[in-house]
Amino acid sequence: MLKALLQQQLDFTYLPIDISDHVINDLEENLPKKLPELQIHGLNGDYFKMLEKAKSISNRRKVVLFMGANIGNMDLAEAENFCRDLREELSPNDLLIIGFDLKKNPQQILAAYNDPAGITRSFNLNLLHRINRELDGDFDVSNFDHYASYDPETGACKSYLISLENQRVNIGDETIRFNKNEYIYMEISQKYSLADIDALANKTGFTPVHRFFDHQQYFVDAVWKVD
């Protein structure tokens, strides 16, 4: 995208935002080597605080890119609050490009989270391994299994770990008891219809102006303008 903008000889400054100073330092050091014409000003810190800082740095029109589908890790209420808070940090006629995972056949979605290779299962169980390794935990990982569910009405795809027996787990000085079949809620991966996306824009102070799809139309980058 940056290359394309530079090829069109547009006058802009790239303001990457990240909570990690390592990421920002790496971008500021290495991107100009690849794109010598690029004007870059990294912003290291909380997303909303850095958007506020960007507004103080420049009063030019902003185009905010919120990579997809990070908003899918929020439930619907959280997503609405996020978009409303985002709107508060932007000015009229600013643009937001935001990515969404679209609703599909329910069997297709469930198959992605109950994949035959067990990748999602391993991804979620790895959290227990990390607690053991980094927080002095003693989870017996074999006593938990992965479970995924998808609700085609709401678009919520949720992952859980299920305790396979009554058990007690220690994490540092804290003891946690699990009953057999008790769940640990791991994550949500929210799916949206195009109507859902437009409704979210309209409820939070934006106007939908354009959409970019992948070739299978599984995902969309929605372009919203600030009212």
C-alpha atoms as a PDB file:
ATOM      1  CA  MET A   1       0.000   0.000   0.000  1.00  0.00           C
ATOM      2  CA  LEU A   2       2.795   2.410   0.895  1.00  0.00           C
ATOM      3  CA  LYS A   3       4.555   1.635  -2.392  1.00  0.00           C
ATOM      4  CA  ALA A   4       1.357   2.260  -4.334  1.00  0.00           C
ATOM      5  CA  LEU A   5       0.797   5.600  -2.612  1.00  0.00           C
ATOM      6  CA  LEU A   6       4.378   6.675  -3.305  1.00  0.00           C
ATOM      7  CA  GLN A   7       4.104   5.604  -6.958  1.00  0.00           C
ATOM      8  CA  GLN A   8       1.149   7.979  -7.273  1.00  0.00           C
ATOM      9  CA  GLN A   9       3.399  10.732  -5.869  1.00  0.00           C
ATOM     10  CA  LEU A  10       0.942  11.535  -3.102  1.00  0.00           C
ATOM     11  CA  ASP A  11       2.047  13.862  -0.322  1.00  0.00           C
ATOM     12  CA  PHE A  12       1.530  11.964   2.939  1.00  0.00           C
ATOM     13  CA  THR A  13       3.214  10.947   6.176  1.00  0.00           C
ATOM     14  CA  TYR A  14       2.980   7.404   7.505  1.00  0.00           C
ATOM     15  CA  LEU A  15       2.239   7.321  11.252  1.00  0.00           C
ATOM     16  CA  PRO A  16       2.510   3.682  12.417  1.00  0.00           C
ATOM     17  CA  ILE A  17       1.088   3.046  15.900  1.00  0.00           C
ATOM     18  CA  ASP A  18       2.209   0.164  18.097  1.00  0.00           C
ATOM     19  CA  ILE A  19       2.439  -0.555  21.818  1.00  0.00           C
ATOM     20  CA  SER A  20       5.872  -2.122  21.193  1.00  0.00           C
ATOM     21  CA  ASP A  21       8.778   0.311  20.971  1.00  0.00           C
ATOM     22  CA  HIS A  22      10.778  -2.446  19.236  1.00  0.00           C
ATOM     23  CA  VAL A  23       8.260  -2.552  16.370  1.00  0.00           C
ATOM     24  CA  ILE A  24       8.236   1.228  15.958  1.00  0.00           C
ATOM     25  CA  ASN A  25      12.042   1.464  16.104  1.00  0.00           C
ATOM     26  CA  ASP A  26      12.347  -1.301  13.514  1.00  0.00           C
ATOM     27  CA  LEU A  27       9.885   0.434  11.159  1.00  0.00           C
ATOM     28  CA  GLU A  28      11.589   3.821  11.485  1.00  0.00           C
ATOM     29  CA  GLU A  29      14.996   2.265  10.867  1.00  0.00           C
ATOM     30  CA  ASN A  30      14.239  -0.163   8.057  1.00  0.00           C
ATOM     31  CA  LEU A  31      11.279   1.184   6.058  1.00  0.00           C
ATOM     32  CA  PRO A  32      13.204   4.231   4.774  1.00  0.00           C
ATOM     33  CA  LYS A  33      15.856   1.843   3.433  1.00  0.00           C
ATOM     34  CA  LYS A  34      13.213   0.133   1.291  1.00  0.00           C
ATOM     35  CA  LEU A  35      11.182   3.269   0.561  1.00  0.00           C
ATOM     36  CA  PRO A  36      13.585   6.252   0.610  1.00  0.00           C
ATOM     37  CA  GLU A  37      10.830   8.732  -0.339  1.00  0.00           C
ATOM     38  CA  LEU A  38       8.630   7.733   2.599  1.00  0.00           C
ATOM     39  CA  GLN A  39       7.948  10.257   5.330  1.00  0.00           C
ATOM     40  CA  ILE A  40       7.484   8.280   8.560  1.00  0.00           C
ATOM     41  CA  HIS A  41       6.771   9.299  12.142  1.00  0.00           C
ATOM     42  CA  GLY A  42       6.344   6.352  14.494  1.00  0.00           C
ATOM     43  CA  LEU A  43       3.987   6.564  17.468  1.00  0.00           C
ATOM     44  CA  ASN A  44       4.748   4.205  20.365  1.00  0.00           C
ATOM     45  CA  GLY A  45       1.974   3.756  22.916  1.00  0.00           C
ATOM     46  CA  ASP A  46      -1.711   3.076  23.522  1.00  0.00           C
ATOM     47  CA  TYR A  47      -3.768   3.099  20.331  1.00  0.00           C
ATOM     48  CA  PHE A  48      -6.223   5.828  21.294  1.00  0.00           C
ATOM     49  CA  LYS A  49      -3.625   8.014  23.003  1.00  0.00           C
ATOM     50  CA  MET A  50      -1.455   7.834  19.906  1.00  0.00           C
ATOM     51  CA  LEU A  51      -4.395   8.726  17.656  1.00  0.00           C
ATOM     52  CA  GLU A  52      -4.899  11.774  19.860  1.00  0.00           C
ATOM     53  CA  LYS A  53      -1.203  12.566  19.499  1.00  0.00           C
ATOM     54  CA  ALA A  54      -1.445  12.170  15.712  1.00  0.00           C
ATOM     55  CA  LYS A  55      -4.205  14.768  15.705  1.00  0.00           C
ATOM     56  CA  SER A  56      -1.951  17.159  17.616  1.00  0.00           C
ATOM     57  CA  ILE A  57       0.953  16.534  15.230  1.00  0.00           C
ATOM     58  CA  SER A  58      -1.002  17.304  12.073  1.00  0.00           C
ATOM     59  CA  ASN A  59      -4.386  18.768  11.180  1.00  0.00           C
ATOM     60  CA  ARG A  60      -4.296  17.134   7.750  1.00  0.00           C
ATOM     61  CA  ARG A  61      -6.890  14.565   6.746  1.00  0.00           C
ATOM     62  CA  LYS A  62      -6.209  11.164   8.291  1.00  0.00           C
ATOM     63  CA  VAL A  63      -6.678   7.705   6.803  1.00  0.00           C
ATOM     64  CA  VAL A  64      -6.646   5.124   9.608  1.00  0.00           C
ATOM     65  CA  LEU A  65      -5.951   1.494   8.731  1.00  0.00           C
ATOM     66  CA  PHE A  66      -7.183  -0.989  11.352  1.00  0.00           C
ATOM     67  CA  MET A  67      -5.960  -4.321  10.099  1.00  0.00           C
ATOM     68  CA  GLY A  68      -8.419  -7.166   9.699  1.00  0.00           C
ATOM     69  CA  ALA A  69      -9.812  -8.831  11.409  1.00  0.00           C
ATOM     70  CA  ASN A  70      -8.643  -7.580  14.804  1.00  0.00           C
ATOM     71  CA  ILE A  71     -12.141  -6.324  15.466  1.00  0.00           C
ATOM     72  CA  GLY A  72     -13.221  -9.959  15.266  1.00  0.00           C
ATOM     73  CA  ASN A  73     -11.550 -10.542  18.643  1.00  0.00           C
ATOM     74  CA  MET A  74     -14.190  -8.299  20.236  1.00  0.00           C
ATOM     75  CA  ASP A  75     -17.793  -9.183  20.926  1.00  0.00           C
ATOM     76  CA  LEU A  76     -20.455  -6.996  19.334  1.00  0.00           C
ATOM     77  CA  ALA A  77     -20.773  -4.589  22.276  1.00  0.00           C
ATOM     78  CA  GLU A  78     -16.995  -4.200  22.544  1.00  0.00           C
ATOM     79  CA  ALA A  79     -16.726  -3.603  18.794  1.00  0.00           C
ATOM     80  CA  GLU A  80     -19.374  -0.904  18.936  1.00  0.00           C
ATOM     81  CA  ASN A  81     -17.635   0.816  21.852  1.00  0.00           C
ATOM     82  CA  PHE A  82     -14.288   0.565  20.065  1.00  0.00           C
ATOM     83  CA  CYS A  83     -15.619   2.148  16.868  1.00  0.00           C
ATOM     84  CA  ARG A  84     -17.354   4.896  18.818  1.00  0.00           C
ATOM     85  CA  ASP A  85     -14.143   5.663  20.740  1.00  0.00           C
ATOM     86  CA  LEU A  86     -12.230   5.617  17.459  1.00  0.00           C
ATOM     87  CA  ARG A  87     -14.648   8.116  15.980  1.00  0.00           C
ATOM     88  CA  GLU A  88     -13.955  10.480  18.894  1.00  0.00           C
ATOM     89  CA  GLU A  89     -10.279  10.639  17.924  1.00  0.00           C
ATOM     90  CA  LEU A  90     -10.989  11.469  14.264  1.00  0.00           C
ATOM     91  CA  SER A  91     -12.171  14.574  12.443  1.00  0.00           C
ATOM     92  CA  PRO A  92     -14.934  15.043   9.848  1.00  0.00           C
ATOM     93  CA  ASN A  93     -13.981  13.600   6.439  1.00  0.00           C
ATOM     94  CA  ASP A  94     -11.208  11.417   7.893  1.00  0.00           C
ATOM     95  CA  LEU A  95     -11.295   7.854   6.560  1.00  0.00           C
ATOM     96  CA  LEU A  96     -11.151   4.504   8.327  1.00  0.00           C
ATOM     97  CA  ILE A  97     -10.213   1.286   6.518  1.00  0.00           C
ATOM     98  CA  ILE A  98     -11.237  -1.626   8.728  1.00  0.00           C
ATOM     99  CA  GLY A  99     -11.158  -5.363   8.028  1.00  0.00           C
ATOM    100  CA  PHE A 100     -13.912  -7.876   8.808  1.00  0.00           C
ATOM    101  CA  ASP A 101     -14.228 -11.643   8.512  1.00  0.00           C
ATOM    102  CA  LEU A 102     -17.527 -12.338   6.779  1.00  0.00           C
ATOM    103  CA  LYS A 103     -20.259 -14.826   7.709  1.00  0.00           C
ATOM    104  CA  LYS A 104     -20.052 -18.012   5.656  1.00  0.00           C
ATOM    105  CA  ASN A 105     -21.523 -21.484   5.680  1.00  0.00           C
ATOM    106  CA  PRO A 106     -21.538 -22.535   9.379  1.00  0.00           C
ATOM    107  CA  GLN A 107     -19.896 -25.884   8.599  1.00  0.00           C
ATOM    108  CA  GLN A 108     -17.084 -24.084   6.801  1.00  0.00           C
ATOM    109  CA  ILE A 109     -16.457 -21.791   9.766  1.00  0.00           C
ATOM    110  CA  LEU A 110     -16.553 -24.599  12.335  1.00  0.00           C
ATOM    111  CA  ALA A 111     -14.164 -26.651  10.208  1.00  0.00           C
ATOM    112  CA  ALA A 112     -11.631 -23.831  10.458  1.00  0.00           C
ATOM    113  CA  TYR A 113     -11.672 -23.973  14.275  1.00  0.00           C
ATOM    114  CA  ASN A 114     -11.991 -27.771  14.516  1.00  0.00           C
ATOM    115  CA  ASP A 115      -9.355 -28.300  11.848  1.00  0.00           C
ATOM    116  CA  PRO A 116      -8.165 -31.885  11.263  1.00  0.00           C
ATOM    117  CA  ALA A 117      -4.545 -30.935  11.963  1.00  0.00           C
ATOM    118  CA  GLY A 118      -5.541 -29.631  15.394  1.00  0.00           C
ATOM    119  CA  ILE A 119      -3.855 -26.267  14.874  1.00  0.00           C
ATOM    120  CA  THR A 120      -6.492 -24.239  16.753  1.00  0.00           C
ATOM    121  CA  ARG A 121      -6.558 -26.865  19.497  1.00  0.00           C
ATOM    122  CA  SER A 122      -2.774 -26.635  19.901  1.00  0.00           C
ATOM    123  CA  PHE A 123      -2.928 -22.838  19.777  1.00  0.00           C
ATOM    124  CA  ASN A 124      -5.348 -22.721  22.717  1.00  0.00           C
ATOM    125  CA  LEU A 125      -3.670 -25.469  24.739  1.00  0.00           C
ATOM    126  CA  ASN A 126      -0.378 -23.627  24.302  1.00  0.00           C
ATOM    127  CA  LEU A 127      -1.698 -20.995  26.717  1.00  0.00           C
ATOM    128  CA  LEU A 128      -1.638 -23.623  29.467  1.00  0.00           C
ATOM    129  CA  HIS A 129       1.921 -24.581  28.525  1.00  0.00           C
ATOM    130  CA  ARG A 130       2.922 -20.907  28.745  1.00  0.00           C
ATOM    131  CA  ILE A 131       1.280 -20.527  32.174  1.00  0.00           C
ATOM    132  CA  ASN A 132       3.272 -23.554  33.346  1.00  0.00           C
ATOM    133  CA  ARG A 133       6.487 -22.189  31.852  1.00  0.00           C
ATOM    134  CA  GLU A 134       6.199 -18.501  32.684  1.00  0.00           C
ATOM    135  CA  LEU A 135       3.867 -18.262  35.708  1.00  0.00           C
ATOM    136  CA  ASP A 136       4.940 -21.344  37.670  1.00  0.00           C
ATOM    137  CA  GLY A 137       1.760 -23.267  36.852  1.00  0.00           C
ATOM    138  CA  ASP A 138       1.217 -27.013  37.020  1.00  0.00           C
ATOM    139  CA  PHE A 139      -1.554 -27.591  34.469  1.00  0.00           C
ATOM    140  CA  ASP A 140      -1.792 -31.183  33.261  1.00  0.00           C
ATOM    141  CA  VAL A 141      -2.566 -30.165  29.696  1.00  0.00           C
ATOM    142  CA  SER A 142      -3.828 -33.654  28.847  1.00  0.00           C
ATOM    143  CA  ASN A 143      -6.722 -33.009  31.247  1.00  0.00           C
ATOM    144  CA  PHE A 144      -8.170 -30.336  28.949  1.00  0.00           C
ATOM    145  CA  ASP A 145      -9.580 -30.449  25.449  1.00  0.00           C
ATOM    146  CA  HIS A 146     -10.522 -27.863  22.845  1.00  0.00           C
ATOM    147  CA  TYR A 147     -14.140 -27.106  21.927  1.00  0.00           C
ATOM    148  CA  ALA A 148     -15.382 -24.600  19.318  1.00  0.00           C
ATOM    149  CA  SER A 149     -18.896 -23.373  18.614  1.00  0.00           C
ATOM    150  CA  TYR A 150     -20.435 -21.106  15.996  1.00  0.00           C
ATOM    151  CA  ASP A 151     -23.769 -19.295  16.144  1.00  0.00           C
ATOM    152  CA  PRO A 152     -24.821 -18.359  12.595  1.00  0.00           C
ATOM    153  CA  GLU A 153     -27.447 -15.946  13.918  1.00  0.00           C
ATOM    154  CA  THR A 154     -25.075 -13.724  15.899  1.00  0.00           C
ATOM    155  CA  GLY A 155     -21.899 -14.584  13.969  1.00  0.00           C
ATOM    156  CA  ALA A 156     -20.030 -15.440  17.177  1.00  0.00           C
ATOM    157  CA  CYS A 157     -17.440 -18.207  16.845  1.00  0.00           C
ATOM    158  CA  LYS A 158     -16.100 -19.051  20.306  1.00  0.00           C
ATOM    159  CA  SER A 159     -13.326 -21.334  21.519  1.00  0.00           C
ATOM    160  CA  TYR A 160     -13.165 -23.019  24.918  1.00  0.00           C
ATOM    161  CA  LEU A 161     -10.977 -25.426  26.824  1.00  0.00           C
ATOM    162  CA  ILE A 162     -12.987 -28.089  28.661  1.00  0.00           C
ATOM    163  CA  SER A 163     -11.804 -29.728  31.877  1.00  0.00           C
ATOM    164  CA  LEU A 164     -11.981 -33.495  31.376  1.00  0.00           C
ATOM    165  CA  GLU A 165     -12.111 -34.289  35.099  1.00  0.00           C
ATOM    166  CA  ASN A 166     -12.372 -32.746  38.556  1.00  0.00           C
ATOM    167  CA  GLN A 167      -8.962 -31.281  39.179  1.00  0.00           C
ATOM    168  CA  ARG A 168      -6.922 -28.715  41.034  1.00  0.00           C
ATOM    169  CA  VAL A 169      -4.335 -26.489  39.371  1.00  0.00           C
ATOM    170  CA  ASN A 170      -1.720 -24.296  41.020  1.00  0.00           C
ATOM    171  CA  ILE A 171      -0.477 -21.077  39.468  1.00  0.00           C
ATOM    172  CA  GLY A 172       2.216 -19.644  41.690  1.00  0.00           C
ATOM    173  CA  ASP A 173       0.637 -19.302  45.141  1.00  0.00           C
ATOM    174  CA  GLU A 174      -2.941 -19.530  43.833  1.00  0.00           C
ATOM    175  CA  THR A 175      -4.980 -22.729  43.595  1.00  0.00           C
ATOM    176  CA  ILE A 176      -7.842 -23.060  41.095  1.00  0.00           C
ATOM    177  CA  ARG A 177     -10.348 -25.908  41.149  1.00  0.00           C
ATOM    178  CA  PHE A 178     -12.029 -27.130  37.985  1.00  0.00           C
ATOM    179  CA  ASN A 179     -15.061 -29.377  37.864  1.00  0.00           C
ATOM    180  CA  LYS A 180     -15.390 -32.034  35.213  1.00  0.00           C
ATOM    181  CA  ASN A 181     -16.807 -30.441  32.012  1.00  0.00           C
ATOM    182  CA  GLU A 182     -16.166 -26.903  33.320  1.00  0.00           C
ATOM    183  CA  TYR A 183     -15.006 -24.569  30.566  1.00  0.00           C
ATOM    184  CA  ILE A 184     -12.359 -21.881  30.133  1.00  0.00           C
ATOM    185  CA  TYR A 185     -13.514 -19.271  27.622  1.00  0.00           C
ATOM    186  CA  MET A 186     -10.524 -18.671  25.348  1.00  0.00           C
ATOM    187  CA  GLU A 187     -11.486 -16.354  22.508  1.00  0.00           C
ATOM    188  CA  ILE A 188     -14.151 -15.032  20.188  1.00  0.00           C
ATOM    189  CA  SER A 189     -13.820 -14.707  16.442  1.00  0.00           C
ATOM    190  CA  GLN A 190     -16.766 -12.580  15.403  1.00  0.00           C
ATOM    191  CA  LYS A 191     -18.122 -12.894  11.864  1.00  0.00           C
ATOM    192  CA  TYR A 192     -20.148 -10.156  10.151  1.00  0.00           C
ATOM    193  CA  SER A 193     -22.577  -9.803   7.273  1.00  0.00           C
ATOM    194  CA  LEU A 194     -22.303  -6.744   5.024  1.00  0.00           C
ATOM    195  CA  ALA A 195     -25.504  -5.421   6.604  1.00  0.00           C
ATOM    196  CA  ASP A 196     -23.939  -5.885  10.073  1.00  0.00           C
ATOM    197  CA  ILE A 197     -20.887  -3.878   8.994  1.00  0.00           C
ATOM    198  CA  ASP A 198     -22.927  -1.013   7.560  1.00  0.00           C
ATOM    199  CA  ALA A 199     -25.094  -0.919  10.694  1.00  0.00           C
ATOM    200  CA  LEU A 200     -21.990  -0.758  12.888  1.00  0.00           C
ATOM    201  CA  ALA A 201     -20.655   2.161  10.851  1.00  0.00           C
ATOM    202  CA  ASN A 202     -23.904   4.084  11.015  1.00  0.00           C
ATOM    203  CA  LYS A 203     -24.343   3.529  14.769  1.00  0.00           C
ATOM    204  CA  THR A 204     -20.850   4.809  15.599  1.00  0.00           C
ATOM    205  CA  GLY A 205     -20.585   7.996  13.550  1.00  0.00           C
ATOM    206  CA  PHE A 206     -19.297   6.763  10.187  1.00  0.00           C
ATOM    207  CA  THR A 207     -20.691   6.509   6.668  1.00  0.00           C
ATOM    208  CA  PRO A 208     -19.782   3.441   4.558  1.00  0.00           C
ATOM    209  CA  VAL A 209     -18.246   4.567   1.257  1.00  0.00           C
ATOM    210  CA  HIS A 210     -16.496   1.554  -0.306  1.00  0.00           C
ATOM    211  CA  ARG A 211     -15.595  -2.132   0.099  1.00  0.00           C
ATOM    212  CA  PHE A 212     -12.631  -4.255  -0.976  1.00  0.00           C
ATOM    213  CA  PHE A 213     -13.074  -8.037  -1.091  1.00  0.00           C
ATOM    214  CA  ASP A 214     -10.713 -10.977  -1.472  1.00  0.00           C
ATOM    215  CA  HIS A 215     -11.372 -13.025  -4.598  1.00  0.00           C
ATOM    216  CA  GLN A 216     -13.552 -15.536  -2.687  1.00  0.00           C
ATOM    217  CA  GLN A 217     -15.409 -12.787  -0.821  1.00  0.00           C
ATOM    218  CA  TYR A 218     -14.588 -14.390   2.512  1.00  0.00           C
ATOM    219  CA  PHE A 219     -13.288 -11.107   3.931  1.00  0.00           C
ATOM    220  CA  VAL A 220     -13.842  -7.413   3.388  1.00  0.00           C
ATOM    221  CA  ASP A 221     -11.941  -4.184   4.000  1.00  0.00           C
ATOM    222  CA  ALA A 222     -14.625  -1.587   4.567  1.00  0.00           C
ATOM    223  CA  VAL A 223     -13.904   2.093   3.940  1.00  0.00           C
ATOM    224  CA  TRP A 224     -15.817   4.419   6.241  1.00  0.00           C
ATOM    225  CA  LYS A 225     -15.888   8.213   6.270  1.00  0.00           C
ATOM    226  CA  VAL A 226     -16.252  10.192   9.463  1.00  0.00           C
ATOM    227  CA  ASP A 227     -19.568  12.079   9.501  1.00  0.00           C
END
